[in-house]
Every structure is written in structure tokens, then in C-alpha cells.
Amino acid sequence: MSCEAITAASMIWLASFGAEAATPAPAAAVQAPASPLVTEPLFADIIGRAGELNGRVQSWKGKPIDAAALARFKADVAELAALDMKAHVVLKERGTDGDLKCILRGISEDLPLKLKAVETAKDAAARDAALTDLGYLLRDNVEVITAPPAPPV
């Protein structure tokens, strides 16, 4: 399966959870171990940046966005997209045979598109919808890295 197909399927699946996914589930008695990638500096940096950017996205909903703040945000999103692509390359060079490398590539390619939708929104409602989509992508950026390793198929 190509990276594009895996990315598209993953994004559709993750988006299907909608607002319900944001509601934390009750803590389970036994937690699965987090991905070992979370301890690697590159992946930890991606997690931190995506989480911080998502916080900014959430704070902008329903409010006007200052042009200077948007310019800084745009630069920060470009840096995150570059890090996601770097992580894709790292995993590819390791010979990792998993979906994560493809998902990271897809996120890297989708971040600028989602940001463009925020910038070109015709009104506040459209901007908030674009911010919601961008927020989902940033949340997914964290979750795909922190998710426990899946058993081989």
C-alpha cells in the first residue's frame, strides 16, 4: 500500500472519532507501554511542538487572529512539517516496516494545506472549521508517535 493511501485511510479513521475522541476514557488498570520513540529527541521535539501548536489553535477558535501571531505560527508549522518529514526519512532509513513513516510523511504534507485553509477562510465560521481540522491533524501528530507499538500483522 502506498504512503498516500495509508495516510489518507489513517486520517479518515482518526477524524471519524470527532469530538468524542477528545473525551478522556476512564483509566484502565493496565496501561500499554508507550512507544519507545517518545524518548528519542527528534520524536520528543515533534510531540512537544505539535502539542504547543494545537494549544494555540484551540485558543484562536471564535476569536480574530493577530497577523503577527499568525506569521509566527506559520513559521512554526513549517518547522514542524520539516521535522515530520525528517522523522519519516529516519524511519525509512532504519528500514522500519510500519505505517508510522508514511503517516508522518502525510502529516508533513498536510500541515501546510490545513494552514492555508485557515489563512484563506472567507469568514469566522469557515476559519473555525479550518482551525478544527488543523487541530485534529496536530493532535494526530502527537498520538501516532505516542501510541503503543502495534503487534505485527
Protein backbone atom coordinates (compact mmCIF):
# COMPACT_ATOMS: atom_id res chain seq x y z
CA MET A 1 0.00 0.00 0.00
CA SER A 2 1.41 3.42 -0.87
CA CYS A 3 2.20 6.02 1.79
CA GLU A 4 -0.51 8.27 0.38
CA ALA A 5 -3.19 5.59 0.69
CA ILE A 6 -2.12 4.69 4.23
CA THR A 7 -2.07 8.35 5.23
CA ALA A 8 -5.50 9.01 3.76
CA ALA A 9 -7.00 5.97 5.44
CA SER A 10 -5.37 6.87 8.76
CA MET A 11 -6.58 10.46 8.65
CA ILE A 12 -10.13 9.41 7.81
CA TRP A 13 -10.10 6.84 10.60
CA LEU A 14 -8.70 9.30 13.18
CA ALA A 15 -11.11 12.05 12.09
CA SER A 16 -14.05 9.68 12.43
CA PHE A 17 -13.69 9.84 16.18
CA GLY A 18 -14.62 13.55 16.15
CA ALA A 19 -15.29 15.32 19.44
CA GLU A 20 -15.85 12.02 21.25
CA ALA A 21 -12.13 11.23 20.86
CA ALA A 22 -11.25 14.32 22.87
CA THR A 23 -13.14 12.94 25.88
CA PRO A 24 -10.67 11.04 28.02
CA ALA A 25 -11.54 7.42 28.66
CA PRO A 26 -11.50 6.06 32.18
CA ALA A 27 -8.05 4.90 33.19
CA ALA A 28 -7.51 1.21 32.63
CA ALA A 29 -5.98 -0.97 35.30
CA VAL A 30 -3.11 -1.87 32.99
CA GLN A 31 -1.72 0.68 30.57
CA ALA A 32 0.10 -0.41 27.42
CA PRO A 33 3.66 0.86 27.28
CA ALA A 34 4.20 3.99 25.21
CA SER A 35 6.15 3.85 22.02
CA PRO A 36 9.91 3.78 22.59
CA LEU A 37 10.14 6.62 20.07
CA VAL A 38 8.92 9.11 22.68
CA THR A 39 12.37 9.07 24.29
CA GLU A 40 14.21 9.93 21.09
CA PRO A 41 14.96 13.68 20.81
CA LEU A 42 13.53 14.13 17.29
CA PHE A 43 10.23 12.48 18.13
CA ALA A 44 10.01 14.15 21.55
CA ASP A 45 10.52 17.51 19.81
CA ILE A 46 7.72 16.75 17.34
CA ILE A 47 5.39 15.77 20.20
CA GLY A 48 6.16 18.97 22.12
CA ARG A 49 5.82 21.27 19.12
CA ALA A 50 2.61 19.69 17.84
CA GLY A 51 1.06 19.89 21.29
CA GLU A 52 2.05 23.53 21.73
CA LEU A 53 0.77 24.48 18.27
CA ASN A 54 -2.50 22.68 18.96
CA GLY A 55 -2.87 24.75 22.12
CA ARG A 56 -2.54 27.93 20.06
CA VAL A 57 -5.08 26.63 17.53
CA GLN A 58 -7.59 25.92 20.29
CA SER A 59 -7.11 29.40 21.80
CA TRP A 60 -7.88 31.07 18.44
CA LYS A 61 -11.29 29.48 17.90
CA GLY A 62 -14.02 32.09 17.94
CA LYS A 63 -11.53 34.97 18.06
CA PRO A 64 -9.75 37.10 15.49
CA ILE A 65 -6.15 36.06 14.80
CA ASP A 66 -3.45 38.71 15.06
CA ALA A 67 -1.41 38.92 11.83
CA ALA A 68 1.93 38.81 13.66
CA ALA A 69 0.84 35.78 15.68
CA LEU A 70 -0.31 34.05 12.50
CA ALA A 71 3.04 34.77 10.83
CA ARG A 72 4.91 33.21 13.78
CA PHE A 73 2.52 30.28 13.75
CA LYS A 74 3.06 29.78 10.02
CA ALA A 75 6.85 29.60 10.56
CA ASP A 76 6.37 27.18 13.46
CA VAL A 77 4.10 24.94 11.36
CA ALA A 78 6.70 24.90 8.57
CA GLU A 79 9.35 23.81 11.08
CA LEU A 80 7.08 21.05 12.40
CA ALA A 81 6.34 19.84 8.87
CA ALA A 82 10.09 19.67 8.19
CA LEU A 83 10.62 17.68 11.40
CA ASP A 84 7.84 15.28 10.45
CA MET A 85 9.50 14.71 7.07
CA LYS A 86 12.86 14.23 8.80
CA ALA A 87 11.26 11.63 11.09
CA HIS A 88 9.80 9.90 8.02
CA VAL A 89 13.28 9.72 6.49
CA VAL A 90 14.83 8.46 9.74
CA LEU A 91 12.28 5.64 9.99
CA LYS A 92 12.68 4.82 6.30
CA GLU A 93 16.48 4.65 6.67
CA ARG A 94 16.07 2.31 9.66
CA GLY A 95 14.08 0.02 7.43
CA THR A 96 11.05 0.37 9.62
CA ASP A 97 8.24 -1.58 8.05
CA GLY A 98 5.29 0.20 9.55
CA ASP A 99 2.66 2.78 8.84
CA LEU A 100 4.22 5.46 11.05
CA LYS A 101 6.77 6.55 8.47
CA CYS A 102 4.02 7.01 5.90
CA ILE A 103 1.72 8.78 8.35
CA LEU A 104 4.49 11.24 9.31
CA ARG A 105 5.12 11.97 5.64
CA GLY A 106 1.41 12.57 5.11
CA ILE A 107 1.19 14.88 8.11
CA SER A 108 4.21 16.79 6.82
CA GLU A 109 2.45 17.29 3.50
CA ASP A 110 -0.96 18.08 5.04
CA LEU A 111 0.13 20.68 7.61
CA PRO A 112 0.72 23.45 5.02
CA LEU A 113 -2.60 22.63 3.34
CA LYS A 114 -4.56 22.86 6.60
CA LEU A 115 -2.79 26.11 7.47
CA LYS A 116 -3.63 27.54 4.05
CA ALA A 117 -7.31 26.74 4.70
CA VAL A 118 -7.12 28.79 7.92
CA GLU A 119 -5.47 31.70 6.09
CA THR A 120 -7.94 31.73 3.20
CA ALA A 121 -11.15 31.16 5.17
CA LYS A 122 -13.85 33.55 3.97
CA ASP A 123 -15.44 34.15 7.38
CA ALA A 124 -15.13 33.34 11.08
CA ALA A 125 -17.14 30.13 10.83
CA ALA A 126 -15.01 28.82 7.97
CA ARG A 127 -11.85 29.82 9.85
CA ASP A 128 -13.02 28.00 12.98
CA ALA A 129 -13.79 24.89 10.90
CA ALA A 130 -10.31 25.09 9.34
CA LEU A 131 -8.78 25.56 12.80
CA THR A 132 -10.65 22.46 14.00
CA ASP A 133 -9.24 20.42 11.10
CA LEU A 134 -5.74 21.74 11.79
CA GLY A 135 -6.17 20.91 15.47
CA TYR A 136 -7.14 17.32 14.62
CA LEU A 137 -4.03 16.96 12.48
CA LEU A 138 -1.79 18.36 15.22
CA ARG A 139 -3.40 16.05 17.79
CA ASP A 140 -2.91 13.12 15.43
CA ASN A 141 0.74 14.12 15.06
CA VAL A 142 1.20 13.52 18.78
CA GLU A 143 -0.95 10.40 19.00
CA VAL A 144 0.65 8.46 16.16
CA ILE A 145 4.06 8.79 17.81
CA THR A 146 2.99 8.15 21.39
CA ALA A 147 0.72 5.20 20.62
CA PRO A 148 1.96 1.86 21.93
CA PRO A 149 3.57 -0.32 19.28
CA ALA A 150 1.06 -2.46 17.45
CA PRO A 151 1.65 -6.19 17.21
CA PRO A 152 2.93 -7.41 13.85
CA VAL A 153 0.22 -8.28 11.37
